[in-house]
Amino acid sequence: MIDADGEKKGVMSAKDAQKLAYDQNLDLVKIAPQATPPVCRIMDYGKYCFEQQKREKEARKNQRVVEIKEIRMFSAIDTHDFETKVAQGKKFLQGGDKVKVSVRFRKRAIAHPHLGEELLEKYREGLGDVAVVDKPPKMEGRALVMFVSPKQTKPEKADKGAKKQKPQQAPETKAPAAEAPAAEEKTEQEA
């Protein structure tokens, strides 16, 4: 049994534990009923439940639900319309949402799926460093679909910055060595 302060009281009968909890005006709660002997704790159970609900509510408030936004295009799209769709996709990705990009084929355009693949490749390049392709382009009925999610950016640590400085110094030491063969070539040409 564990006391309300977190101190272990040792093994005791259920009646003694209940009496101890009753004297302190608290509840006796089984924490590990499968253990031998069962582990119990003296606590204010109502307060415990309230705090647990409060923690769950706080966790839910801090969670962000990732939505899937859809951008629809047709295989024959004008450049300005395409640029507008790319800008809209960047806006969604910067907001933290995933984007479903679909190219729809009308009538006989379905005979040329390579045009849709080229369009989606151009779209991916238009998004640049903002996005990562989750699912590559795939035909779904009369539409070619690609899923894109925002690229995760991790903050760099000070240790990584120190490592990056070392390679910058290394080419400076190699540069004079590269100039030396060039000087030898000049002397051979002069002779």
C-alpha atoms as a PDB file:
ATOM      1  CA  MET A   1       0.000   0.000   0.000  1.00  0.00           C
ATOM      2  CA  ILE A   2       1.127   3.534  -0.813  1.00  0.00           C
ATOM      3  CA  ASP A   3       0.249   6.537   1.338  1.00  0.00           C
ATOM      4  CA  ALA A   4      -1.241   9.821   0.013  1.00  0.00           C
ATOM      5  CA  ASP A   5       2.257  11.357   0.246  1.00  0.00           C
ATOM      6  CA  GLY A   6       3.730   8.585  -1.934  1.00  0.00           C
ATOM      7  CA  GLU A   7       5.398   6.728   0.938  1.00  0.00           C
ATOM      8  CA  LYS A   8       5.226   2.934   0.982  1.00  0.00           C
ATOM      9  CA  LYS A   9       3.388   1.627   4.030  1.00  0.00           C
ATOM     10  CA  GLY A  10       4.061  -2.044   3.337  1.00  0.00           C
ATOM     11  CA  VAL A  11       1.685  -5.011   3.172  1.00  0.00           C
ATOM     12  CA  MET A  12      -1.511  -4.772   5.254  1.00  0.00           C
ATOM     13  CA  SER A  13      -5.024  -6.130   5.243  1.00  0.00           C
ATOM     14  CA  ALA A  14      -7.777  -4.509   3.191  1.00  0.00           C
ATOM     15  CA  LYS A  15      -9.718  -3.528   6.336  1.00  0.00           C
ATOM     16  CA  ASP A  16      -6.711  -1.721   7.837  1.00  0.00           C
ATOM     17  CA  ALA A  17      -6.041   0.088   4.552  1.00  0.00           C
ATOM     18  CA  GLN A  18      -9.686   1.169   4.250  1.00  0.00           C
ATOM     19  CA  LYS A  19      -9.705   2.394   7.833  1.00  0.00           C
ATOM     20  CA  LEU A  20      -6.496   4.386   7.222  1.00  0.00           C
ATOM     21  CA  ALA A  21      -8.022   5.983   4.100  1.00  0.00           C
ATOM     22  CA  TYR A  22     -11.281   6.732   5.926  1.00  0.00           C
ATOM     23  CA  ASP A  23      -9.397   8.430   8.783  1.00  0.00           C
ATOM     24  CA  GLN A  24      -7.655  10.730   6.283  1.00  0.00           C
ATOM     25  CA  ASN A  25     -10.997  11.379   4.495  1.00  0.00           C
ATOM     26  CA  LEU A  26      -9.555   9.970   1.231  1.00  0.00           C
ATOM     27  CA  ASP A  27     -10.234   6.995  -1.065  1.00  0.00           C
ATOM     28  CA  LEU A  28      -8.439   3.644  -1.310  1.00  0.00           C
ATOM     29  CA  VAL A  29      -7.728   2.906  -4.992  1.00  0.00           C
ATOM     30  CA  LYS A  30      -6.295  -0.301  -6.455  1.00  0.00           C
ATOM     31  CA  ILE A  31      -3.438   0.646  -8.779  1.00  0.00           C
ATOM     32  CA  ALA A  32      -2.267  -2.848  -9.755  1.00  0.00           C
ATOM     33  CA  PRO A  33      -5.017  -5.375  -8.943  1.00  0.00           C
ATOM     34  CA  GLN A  34      -3.217  -8.241 -10.763  1.00  0.00           C
ATOM     35  CA  ALA A  35      -0.070  -7.951  -8.613  1.00  0.00           C
ATOM     36  CA  THR A  36       0.442 -10.283  -5.681  1.00  0.00           C
ATOM     37  CA  PRO A  37      -0.428  -8.747  -3.227  1.00  0.00           C
ATOM     38  CA  PRO A  38      -2.545  -6.070  -4.987  1.00  0.00           C
ATOM     39  CA  VAL A  39      -1.060  -2.564  -4.866  1.00  0.00           C
ATOM     40  CA  CYS A  40      -3.361   0.122  -3.451  1.00  0.00           C
ATOM     41  CA  ARG A  41      -2.957   3.839  -2.963  1.00  0.00           C
ATOM     42  CA  ILE A  42      -4.667   6.342  -0.722  1.00  0.00           C
ATOM     43  CA  MET A  43      -5.767   9.399  -2.727  1.00  0.00           C
ATOM     44  CA  ASP A  44      -8.609  11.772  -3.457  1.00  0.00           C
ATOM     45  CA  TYR A  45     -10.070   9.887  -6.422  1.00  0.00           C
ATOM     46  CA  GLY A  46     -12.364  12.723  -7.549  1.00  0.00           C
ATOM     47  CA  LYS A  47      -9.419  15.129  -7.679  1.00  0.00           C
ATOM     48  CA  TYR A  48      -7.342  12.499  -9.557  1.00  0.00           C
ATOM     49  CA  CYS A  49     -10.071  12.052 -12.201  1.00  0.00           C
ATOM     50  CA  PHE A  50     -10.451  15.812 -12.600  1.00  0.00           C
ATOM     51  CA  GLU A  51      -6.700  16.309 -13.105  1.00  0.00           C
ATOM     52  CA  GLN A  52      -6.586  13.462 -15.613  1.00  0.00           C
ATOM     53  CA  GLN A  53      -9.463  14.977 -17.619  1.00  0.00           C
ATOM     54  CA  LYS A  54      -7.729  18.347 -17.501  1.00  0.00           C
ATOM     55  CA  ARG A  55      -4.487  16.800 -18.874  1.00  0.00           C
ATOM     56  CA  GLU A  56      -6.396  15.039 -21.672  1.00  0.00           C
ATOM     57  CA  LYS A  57      -8.199  18.261 -22.586  1.00  0.00           C
ATOM     58  CA  GLU A  58      -4.883  20.137 -22.682  1.00  0.00           C
ATOM     59  CA  ALA A  59      -3.351  17.426 -24.884  1.00  0.00           C
ATOM     60  CA  ARG A  60      -6.307  17.619 -27.284  1.00  0.00           C
ATOM     61  CA  LYS A  61      -5.982  21.404 -27.431  1.00  0.00           C
ATOM     62  CA  ASN A  62      -2.304  21.150 -28.393  1.00  0.00           C
ATOM     63  CA  GLN A  63      -2.966  18.564 -31.115  1.00  0.00           C
ATOM     64  CA  ARG A  64      -3.341  19.709 -34.687  1.00  0.00           C
ATOM     65  CA  VAL A  65      -5.539  17.761 -37.055  1.00  0.00           C
ATOM     66  CA  VAL A  66      -3.865  17.455 -40.438  1.00  0.00           C
ATOM     67  CA  GLU A  67      -6.383  17.952 -43.199  1.00  0.00           C
ATOM     68  CA  ILE A  68      -6.046  16.816 -46.785  1.00  0.00           C
ATOM     69  CA  LYS A  69      -6.733  19.686 -49.163  1.00  0.00           C
ATOM     70  CA  GLU A  70      -7.395  18.892 -52.815  1.00  0.00           C
ATOM     71  CA  ILE A  71      -6.220  20.832 -55.833  1.00  0.00           C
ATOM     72  CA  ARG A  72      -7.860  19.868 -59.123  1.00  0.00           C
ATOM     73  CA  MET A  73      -6.448  20.655 -62.533  1.00  0.00           C
ATOM     74  CA  PHE A  74      -7.239  19.591 -66.063  1.00  0.00           C
ATOM     75  CA  SER A  75      -4.626  18.214 -68.418  1.00  0.00           C
ATOM     76  CA  ALA A  76      -4.936  21.327 -70.624  1.00  0.00           C
ATOM     77  CA  ILE A  77      -4.280  24.159 -68.136  1.00  0.00           C
ATOM     78  CA  ASP A  78      -3.016  27.650 -68.887  1.00  0.00           C
ATOM     79  CA  THR A  79       0.251  28.900 -67.341  1.00  0.00           C
ATOM     80  CA  HIS A  80      -1.321  31.554 -65.109  1.00  0.00           C
ATOM     81  CA  ASP A  81      -3.941  29.113 -63.836  1.00  0.00           C
ATOM     82  CA  PHE A  82      -1.163  26.629 -63.131  1.00  0.00           C
ATOM     83  CA  GLU A  83       0.862  29.237 -61.199  1.00  0.00           C
ATOM     84  CA  THR A  84      -2.252  30.073 -59.154  1.00  0.00           C
ATOM     85  CA  LYS A  85      -2.683  26.371 -58.276  1.00  0.00           C
ATOM     86  CA  VAL A  86       0.993  26.156 -57.236  1.00  0.00           C
ATOM     87  CA  ALA A  87       0.615  29.236 -55.012  1.00  0.00           C
ATOM     88  CA  GLN A  88      -2.530  27.749 -53.447  1.00  0.00           C
ATOM     89  CA  GLY A  89      -0.681  24.469 -52.807  1.00  0.00           C
ATOM     90  CA  LYS A  90       2.201  26.315 -51.115  1.00  0.00           C
ATOM     91  CA  LYS A  91      -0.317  28.139 -48.914  1.00  0.00           C
ATOM     92  CA  PHE A  92      -1.900  24.835 -47.841  1.00  0.00           C
ATOM     93  CA  LEU A  93       1.492  23.221 -47.175  1.00  0.00           C
ATOM     94  CA  GLN A  94       2.753  26.162 -45.122  1.00  0.00           C
ATOM     95  CA  GLY A  95      -0.444  25.870 -43.076  1.00  0.00           C
ATOM     96  CA  GLY A  96       0.611  22.298 -42.217  1.00  0.00           C
ATOM     97  CA  ASP A  97      -1.952  20.464 -44.361  1.00  0.00           C
ATOM     98  CA  LYS A  98      -1.380  17.647 -46.818  1.00  0.00           C
ATOM     99  CA  VAL A  99      -2.333  18.266 -50.423  1.00  0.00           C
ATOM    100  CA  LYS A 100      -3.944  15.903 -52.923  1.00  0.00           C
ATOM    101  CA  VAL A 101      -3.130  17.123 -56.418  1.00  0.00           C
ATOM    102  CA  SER A 102      -5.308  15.620 -59.144  1.00  0.00           C
ATOM    103  CA  VAL A 103      -5.183  16.073 -62.884  1.00  0.00           C
ATOM    104  CA  ARG A 104      -8.497  15.239 -64.511  1.00  0.00           C
ATOM    105  CA  PHE A 105      -8.745  14.040 -68.069  1.00  0.00           C
ATOM    106  CA  ARG A 106     -11.709  15.051 -70.201  1.00  0.00           C
ATOM    107  CA  LYS A 107     -12.964  13.071 -73.163  1.00  0.00           C
ATOM    108  CA  ARG A 108     -10.099  11.903 -75.387  1.00  0.00           C
ATOM    109  CA  ALA A 109      -7.368  13.439 -73.218  1.00  0.00           C
ATOM    110  CA  ILE A 110      -7.377  10.158 -71.239  1.00  0.00           C
ATOM    111  CA  ALA A 111      -5.415   8.683 -74.158  1.00  0.00           C
ATOM    112  CA  HIS A 112      -2.440  10.893 -73.168  1.00  0.00           C
ATOM    113  CA  PRO A 113      -1.681  10.246 -69.470  1.00  0.00           C
ATOM    114  CA  HIS A 114       1.937  11.287 -70.017  1.00  0.00           C
ATOM    115  CA  LEU A 115       0.735  14.900 -70.253  1.00  0.00           C
ATOM    116  CA  GLY A 116      -0.730  14.620 -66.767  1.00  0.00           C
ATOM    117  CA  GLU A 117       2.478  13.065 -65.425  1.00  0.00           C
ATOM    118  CA  GLU A 118       4.507  15.926 -66.906  1.00  0.00           C
ATOM    119  CA  LEU A 119       2.086  18.429 -65.362  1.00  0.00           C
ATOM    120  CA  LEU A 120       2.396  16.834 -61.909  1.00  0.00           C
ATOM    121  CA  GLU A 121       6.196  16.759 -62.214  1.00  0.00           C
ATOM    122  CA  LYS A 122       6.138  20.460 -63.115  1.00  0.00           C
ATOM    123  CA  TYR A 123       3.829  21.069 -60.123  1.00  0.00           C
ATOM    124  CA  ARG A 124       6.230  19.255 -57.780  1.00  0.00           C
ATOM    125  CA  GLU A 125       9.114  21.387 -59.068  1.00  0.00           C
ATOM    126  CA  GLY A 126       6.947  24.500 -58.610  1.00  0.00           C
ATOM    127  CA  LEU A 127       6.469  23.677 -54.923  1.00  0.00           C
ATOM    128  CA  GLY A 128      10.257  23.486 -54.524  1.00  0.00           C
ATOM    129  CA  ASP A 129      11.627  22.947 -51.025  1.00  0.00           C
ATOM    130  CA  VAL A 130       8.248  23.361 -49.337  1.00  0.00           C
ATOM    131  CA  ALA A 131       6.929  19.851 -50.057  1.00  0.00           C
ATOM    132  CA  VAL A 132       7.743  16.154 -50.098  1.00  0.00           C
ATOM    133  CA  VAL A 133       5.891  13.676 -52.327  1.00  0.00           C
ATOM    134  CA  ASP A 134       4.078  11.089 -50.171  1.00  0.00           C
ATOM    135  CA  LYS A 135       2.570   9.062 -52.985  1.00  0.00           C
ATOM    136  CA  PRO A 136       3.810   9.351 -56.559  1.00  0.00           C
ATOM    137  CA  PRO A 137       1.338  10.002 -59.391  1.00  0.00           C
ATOM    138  CA  LYS A 138      -1.170   7.168 -59.866  1.00  0.00           C
ATOM    139  CA  MET A 139      -4.234   6.805 -62.071  1.00  0.00           C
ATOM    140  CA  GLU A 140      -7.565   6.696 -60.216  1.00  0.00           C
ATOM    141  CA  GLY A 141     -10.357   6.437 -62.745  1.00  0.00           C
ATOM    142  CA  ARG A 142     -10.117   9.416 -65.109  1.00  0.00           C
ATOM    143  CA  ALA A 143      -7.751  11.330 -62.817  1.00  0.00           C
ATOM    144  CA  LEU A 144      -4.030  11.164 -62.110  1.00  0.00           C
ATOM    145  CA  VAL A 145      -3.483  11.709 -58.365  1.00  0.00           C
ATOM    146  CA  MET A 146      -0.394  12.636 -56.321  1.00  0.00           C
ATOM    147  CA  PHE A 147      -0.193  13.264 -52.551  1.00  0.00           C
ATOM    148  CA  VAL A 148       2.175  15.902 -51.178  1.00  0.00           C
ATOM    149  CA  SER A 149       2.949  16.776 -47.555  1.00  0.00           C
ATOM    150  CA  PRO A 150       4.865  19.671 -45.965  1.00  0.00           C
ATOM    151  CA  LYS A 151       8.600  19.166 -45.540  1.00  0.00           C
ATOM    152  CA  GLN A 152       9.625  18.859 -41.902  1.00  0.00           C
ATOM    153  CA  THR A 153      12.242  21.427 -40.935  1.00  0.00           C
ATOM    154  CA  LYS A 154      14.513  20.571 -38.042  1.00  0.00           C
ATOM    155  CA  PRO A 155      16.432  23.320 -36.263  1.00  0.00           C
ATOM    156  CA  GLU A 156      20.199  22.989 -36.609  1.00  0.00           C
ATOM    157  CA  LYS A 157      22.299  22.600 -33.488  1.00  0.00           C
ATOM    158  CA  ALA A 158      25.480  24.545 -32.711  1.00  0.00           C
ATOM    159  CA  ASP A 159      27.561  21.358 -33.123  1.00  0.00           C
ATOM    160  CA  LYS A 160      26.438  20.969 -36.744  1.00  0.00           C
ATOM    161  CA  GLY A 161      27.418  24.560 -37.482  1.00  0.00           C
ATOM    162  CA  ALA A 162      30.949  23.852 -36.242  1.00  0.00           C
ATOM    163  CA  LYS A 163      31.200  20.826 -38.526  1.00  0.00           C
ATOM    164  CA  LYS A 164      30.151  22.881 -41.539  1.00  0.00           C
ATOM    165  CA  GLN A 165      32.990  25.347 -40.995  1.00  0.00           C
ATOM    166  CA  LYS A 166      35.694  22.672 -41.229  1.00  0.00           C
ATOM    167  CA  PRO A 167      34.947  21.656 -44.852  1.00  0.00           C
ATOM    168  CA  GLN A 168      35.045  25.323 -45.891  1.00  0.00           C
ATOM    169  CA  GLN A 169      38.606  25.611 -44.571  1.00  0.00           C
ATOM    170  CA  ALA A 170      39.730  22.416 -46.323  1.00  0.00           C
ATOM    171  CA  PRO A 171      39.351  23.736 -49.923  1.00  0.00           C
ATOM    172  CA  GLU A 172      41.492  26.763 -49.034  1.00  0.00           C
ATOM    173  CA  THR A 173      44.418  24.479 -48.171  1.00  0.00           C
ATOM    174  CA  LYS A 174      43.947  22.486 -51.386  1.00  0.00           C
ATOM    175  CA  ALA A 175      43.826  25.586 -53.615  1.00  0.00           C
ATOM    176  CA  PRO A 176      47.608  26.292 -53.553  1.00  0.00           C
ATOM    177  CA  ALA A 177      48.271  22.653 -54.446  1.00  0.00           C
ATOM    178  CA  ALA A 178      45.983  22.993 -57.470  1.00  0.00           C
ATOM    179  CA  GLU A 179      47.832  26.145 -58.579  1.00  0.00           C
ATOM    180  CA  ALA A 180      51.241  24.438 -58.433  1.00  0.00           C
ATOM    181  CA  PRO A 181      50.656  22.120 -61.465  1.00  0.00           C
ATOM    182  CA  ALA A 182      49.378  25.118 -63.422  1.00  0.00           C
ATOM    183  CA  ALA A 183      52.657  26.929 -62.694  1.00  0.00           C
ATOM    184  CA  GLU A 184      54.631  23.892 -63.955  1.00  0.00           C
ATOM    185  CA  GLU A 185      52.640  23.926 -67.210  1.00  0.00           C
ATOM    186  CA  LYS A 186      53.574  27.568 -67.796  1.00  0.00           C
ATOM    187  CA  THR A 187      57.265  26.784 -67.377  1.00  0.00           C
ATOM    188  CA  GLU A 188      57.012  23.915 -69.879  1.00  0.00           C
ATOM    189  CA  GLN A 189      55.266  26.186 -72.420  1.00  0.00           C
ATOM    190  CA  GLU A 190      57.917  28.880 -72.023  1.00  0.00           C
ATOM    191  CA  ALA A 191      60.712  26.372 -72.689  1.00  0.00           C
END
